[in-house]
Amino acid sequence: MLDIEAGHGKESHDDASHPRLFYFCGVVGILGCIAAVTANVVGVIVRPNEGMIADTISALAAGRYAVIMDIGLYAFAAGVLAAAAGLRRLHWGNWSWTAGSWLLTLMAILIVVIGAHGEYGDGEPGGLVIHLPVVGVMALVFTASALLTAAGFYRFRRRWFWFNIACAILWVAGAAAFWFSPTSIDGLIERCVGMIMIVWLLAVSKLLIDRAKGRATRLPVLGDW
């Protein structure tokens, strides 16, 4: 069982330490989100045959302009890695928080592998196709990370707990919808699923920046912590 019983309302002993680290990790996380979205938009613009509804992100990450999407993926991976470092230092919780933050590090590595390997099972010669297995593992890792860190958020800020739970549920539901979706709309569904991760990373990055400044972080709709 995750430990969510004790400590509600307490402040972590690490909250006031290393504000520059929190700020740096938060900024890198936000920049990673911006880079991922920008790369996706630019990739569609420079490849008019590709669209955001029927064509997947994987399609943008292959071919002549693959470097655009690859840069976006690497930047997003850096953002996830920075968030993982910030959450480890913040340390709201016990083993579950630590495990969740380290799983984020693993997710960043998996994103880099996806961008660097460049084999998507598109029929082109090149090598071992590992895209789907890696994406599947990444989906499980993000879900587990969100759920594990949710326990720590419950002890200190309950609205953040529900935010994490909602992201995990929406991520799983969206991934299932993508898996069974027709190819005419799978690109749109994949981007919606990806936006869940981006919104989560944006929120966590803002939290880290606000911790660096000693401020509380508001969540959209849910209000204060």
Protein backbone atom coordinates (compact mmCIF):
# COMPACT_ATOMS: atom_id res chain seq x y z
CA MET A 1 0.00 0.00 0.00
CA LEU A 2 1.12 3.54 -0.67
CA ASP A 3 1.70 5.60 2.48
CA ILE A 4 -0.84 8.42 2.30
CA GLU A 5 -1.98 8.55 5.89
CA ALA A 6 0.44 10.83 7.68
CA GLY A 7 1.84 14.27 7.25
CA HIS A 8 -0.97 16.18 5.50
CA GLY A 9 -0.22 19.89 5.71
CA LYS A 10 3.44 19.43 6.61
CA GLU A 11 6.19 21.12 4.70
CA SER A 12 9.01 18.98 3.36
CA HIS A 13 12.36 19.59 5.01
CA ASP A 14 13.76 20.07 1.49
CA ASP A 15 11.24 22.76 0.46
CA ALA A 16 13.47 25.72 1.31
CA SER A 17 16.72 24.17 0.15
CA HIS A 18 18.32 24.57 -3.25
CA PRO A 19 15.84 27.10 -4.71
CA ARG A 20 18.09 27.56 -7.73
CA LEU A 21 17.87 23.84 -8.47
CA PHE A 22 14.08 23.92 -8.29
CA TYR A 23 13.97 26.99 -10.53
CA PHE A 24 16.36 25.50 -13.08
CA CYS A 25 14.48 22.19 -13.23
CA GLY A 26 11.18 24.00 -13.63
CA VAL A 27 12.43 26.20 -16.46
CA VAL A 28 13.97 23.25 -18.31
CA GLY A 29 10.71 21.34 -17.94
CA ILE A 30 8.65 24.18 -19.42
CA LEU A 31 11.11 24.70 -22.27
CA GLY A 32 10.93 20.97 -23.04
CA CYS A 33 7.15 21.18 -23.35
CA ILE A 34 7.37 24.22 -25.62
CA ALA A 35 9.97 22.51 -27.80
CA ALA A 36 7.87 19.35 -28.20
CA VAL A 37 4.76 21.27 -29.26
CA THR A 38 6.75 23.57 -31.55
CA ALA A 39 8.50 20.66 -33.25
CA ASN A 40 5.17 18.98 -33.88
CA VAL A 41 3.66 22.10 -35.47
CA VAL A 42 6.76 22.90 -37.53
CA GLY A 43 7.02 19.28 -38.67
CA VAL A 44 3.50 19.43 -40.08
CA ILE A 45 4.16 22.79 -41.77
CA VAL A 46 7.31 21.65 -43.60
CA ARG A 47 5.64 18.39 -44.63
CA PRO A 48 2.31 19.42 -46.14
CA ASN A 49 1.45 15.80 -46.91
CA GLU A 50 1.38 15.11 -43.18
CA GLY A 51 -1.51 16.22 -40.98
CA MET A 52 -2.31 16.28 -37.28
CA ILE A 53 -5.43 14.13 -37.54
CA ALA A 54 -4.59 11.11 -39.65
CA ASP A 55 -0.78 11.14 -39.38
CA THR A 56 0.95 10.18 -36.16
CA ILE A 57 3.91 11.80 -34.43
CA SER A 58 5.95 8.78 -35.49
CA ALA A 59 5.31 9.73 -39.12
CA LEU A 60 6.86 13.14 -38.46
CA ALA A 61 9.83 11.51 -36.77
CA ALA A 62 10.75 9.59 -39.92
CA GLY A 63 11.97 10.76 -43.30
CA ARG A 64 13.70 13.86 -44.60
CA TYR A 65 12.68 16.24 -41.81
CA ALA A 66 12.88 13.74 -38.97
CA VAL A 67 15.48 15.88 -37.20
CA ILE A 68 12.79 18.45 -36.34
CA MET A 69 10.71 16.00 -34.34
CA ASP A 70 13.82 14.35 -32.92
CA ILE A 71 14.98 17.67 -31.46
CA GLY A 72 11.55 18.15 -29.93
CA LEU A 73 11.67 14.67 -28.39
CA TYR A 74 15.16 15.21 -26.99
CA ALA A 75 14.16 18.56 -25.51
CA PHE A 76 11.06 17.03 -23.95
CA ALA A 77 13.18 14.20 -22.53
CA ALA A 78 15.47 16.82 -20.97
CA GLY A 79 12.40 18.46 -19.44
CA VAL A 80 11.20 15.17 -17.97
CA LEU A 81 14.69 14.47 -16.61
CA ALA A 82 14.81 17.91 -14.99
CA ALA A 83 11.40 17.38 -13.40
CA ALA A 84 12.57 14.03 -12.06
CA ALA A 85 15.60 15.68 -10.45
CA GLY A 86 13.47 18.43 -8.95
CA LEU A 87 10.91 16.02 -7.53
CA ARG A 88 13.62 13.84 -6.01
CA ARG A 89 14.99 16.88 -4.20
CA LEU A 90 11.52 18.07 -3.15
CA HIS A 91 10.86 14.59 -1.75
CA TRP A 92 7.26 14.73 -0.58
CA GLY A 93 6.81 11.19 0.62
CA ASN A 94 8.76 8.00 1.17
CA TRP A 95 9.65 5.10 -1.10
CA SER A 96 6.75 5.71 -3.48
CA TRP A 97 7.84 9.29 -4.18
CA THR A 98 11.43 8.20 -4.75
CA ALA A 99 10.35 5.36 -7.03
CA GLY A 100 8.05 7.65 -9.00
CA SER A 101 10.76 10.24 -9.57
CA TRP A 102 13.25 7.60 -10.70
CA LEU A 103 10.66 6.19 -13.10
CA LEU A 104 10.51 9.64 -14.67
CA THR A 105 14.24 9.33 -15.31
CA LEU A 106 13.60 6.01 -17.03
CA MET A 107 10.85 7.62 -19.10
CA ALA A 108 13.26 10.33 -20.28
CA ILE A 109 15.69 7.63 -21.39
CA LEU A 110 12.92 5.81 -23.28
CA ILE A 111 11.95 9.02 -25.09
CA VAL A 112 15.56 9.47 -26.20
CA VAL A 113 15.63 5.86 -27.43
CA ILE A 114 12.46 6.46 -29.45
CA GLY A 115 13.96 9.54 -31.09
CA ALA A 116 17.43 8.10 -31.66
CA HIS A 117 16.54 4.64 -32.96
CA GLY A 118 14.25 5.84 -35.72
CA GLU A 119 12.70 2.48 -36.67
CA TYR A 120 8.91 2.61 -36.76
CA GLY A 121 7.93 -0.49 -38.68
CA ASP A 122 7.15 1.53 -41.81
CA GLY A 123 8.51 -1.07 -44.19
CA GLU A 124 11.77 0.75 -44.84
CA PRO A 125 14.98 -1.24 -44.40
CA GLY A 126 17.06 -0.21 -41.45
CA GLY A 127 17.07 -2.47 -38.46
CA LEU A 128 15.22 -3.84 -35.49
CA VAL A 129 11.80 -2.27 -34.97
CA ILE A 130 11.48 -1.45 -31.26
CA HIS A 131 9.14 1.53 -31.44
CA LEU A 132 5.92 -0.10 -30.24
CA PRO A 133 7.50 -2.07 -27.36
CA VAL A 134 9.36 1.02 -26.12
CA VAL A 135 6.25 3.19 -26.38
CA GLY A 136 4.30 0.54 -24.48
CA VAL A 137 6.86 0.46 -21.68
CA MET A 138 6.93 4.27 -21.59
CA ALA A 139 3.14 4.36 -21.19
CA LEU A 140 3.34 2.01 -18.22
CA VAL A 141 6.22 3.98 -16.71
CA PHE A 142 4.40 7.32 -16.89
CA THR A 143 1.24 5.82 -15.38
CA ALA A 144 3.21 4.25 -12.54
CA SER A 145 5.16 7.46 -11.92
CA ALA A 146 2.01 9.59 -11.73
CA LEU A 147 0.36 7.15 -9.33
CA LEU A 148 3.42 6.74 -7.11
CA THR A 149 4.05 10.47 -6.73
CA ALA A 150 0.32 11.00 -6.15
CA ALA A 151 0.73 9.40 -2.73
CA GLY A 152 3.21 12.09 -1.73
CA PHE A 153 0.97 14.83 -3.09
CA TYR A 154 -1.90 13.43 -0.99
CA ARG A 155 0.11 13.85 2.19
CA PHE A 156 0.82 17.50 1.46
CA ARG A 157 -1.52 18.91 -1.20
CA ARG A 158 -4.63 16.83 -1.93
CA ARG A 159 -5.74 18.65 -5.06
CA TRP A 160 -2.42 17.75 -6.61
CA PHE A 161 -3.09 14.14 -5.65
CA TRP A 162 -6.32 14.17 -7.66
CA PHE A 163 -4.58 15.94 -10.53
CA ASN A 164 -2.04 13.11 -10.73
CA ILE A 165 -4.74 10.46 -10.53
CA ALA A 166 -6.74 12.18 -13.28
CA CYS A 167 -3.68 12.37 -15.55
CA ALA A 168 -2.93 8.67 -15.01
CA ILE A 169 -6.53 7.63 -15.75
CA LEU A 170 -6.82 9.86 -18.83
CA TRP A 171 -3.45 8.61 -20.07
CA VAL A 172 -4.49 4.95 -19.82
CA ALA A 173 -7.89 5.62 -21.39
CA GLY A 174 -6.33 7.67 -24.19
CA ALA A 175 -3.67 5.06 -24.89
CA ALA A 176 -6.36 2.38 -25.16
CA ALA A 177 -8.40 4.58 -27.49
CA PHE A 178 -5.34 5.18 -29.66
CA TRP A 179 -4.57 1.48 -29.89
CA PHE A 180 -8.03 0.67 -31.22
CA SER A 181 -8.62 3.86 -33.23
CA PRO A 182 -8.92 3.86 -37.03
CA THR A 183 -5.95 5.25 -38.94
CA SER A 184 -8.07 8.17 -40.12
CA ILE A 185 -7.95 9.76 -36.64
CA ASP A 186 -5.10 8.03 -34.82
CA GLY A 187 -2.82 11.06 -35.21
CA LEU A 188 -5.31 13.28 -33.40
CA ILE A 189 -5.81 10.79 -30.58
CA GLU A 190 -2.06 10.31 -30.18
CA ARG A 191 -1.56 14.06 -29.86
CA CYS A 192 -4.34 14.33 -27.29
CA VAL A 193 -2.70 11.57 -25.27
CA GLY A 194 0.66 13.30 -25.59
CA MET A 195 -0.88 16.56 -24.35
CA ILE A 196 -1.78 14.84 -21.08
CA MET A 197 1.90 14.24 -20.43
CA ILE A 198 2.78 17.77 -21.51
CA VAL A 199 0.14 19.31 -19.22
CA TRP A 200 1.40 17.19 -16.33
CA LEU A 201 5.00 18.22 -16.93
CA LEU A 202 4.00 21.89 -17.26
CA ALA A 203 2.16 21.75 -13.94
CA VAL A 204 5.02 20.02 -12.12
CA SER A 205 7.54 22.44 -13.63
CA LYS A 206 5.46 25.40 -12.44
CA LEU A 207 5.30 23.81 -9.00
CA LEU A 208 9.10 23.59 -8.87
CA ILE A 209 9.49 27.22 -9.93
CA ASP A 210 7.00 28.33 -7.29
CA ARG A 211 8.78 26.27 -4.63
CA ALA A 212 11.98 28.09 -5.57
CA LYS A 213 10.17 31.39 -4.91
CA GLY A 214 8.39 30.15 -1.80
CA ARG A 215 4.94 30.46 -3.37
CA ALA A 216 1.96 28.14 -3.61
CA THR A 217 0.95 26.80 -7.02
CA ARG A 218 -2.59 27.05 -8.34
CA LEU A 219 -4.03 24.27 -10.44
CA PRO A 220 -6.48 25.15 -13.24
CA VAL A 221 -10.10 24.64 -12.11
CA LEU A 222 -9.03 23.09 -8.81
CA GLY A 223 -7.70 26.36 -7.40
CA ASP A 224 -5.15 26.57 -4.60
CA TRP A 225 -3.15 23.64 -3.29
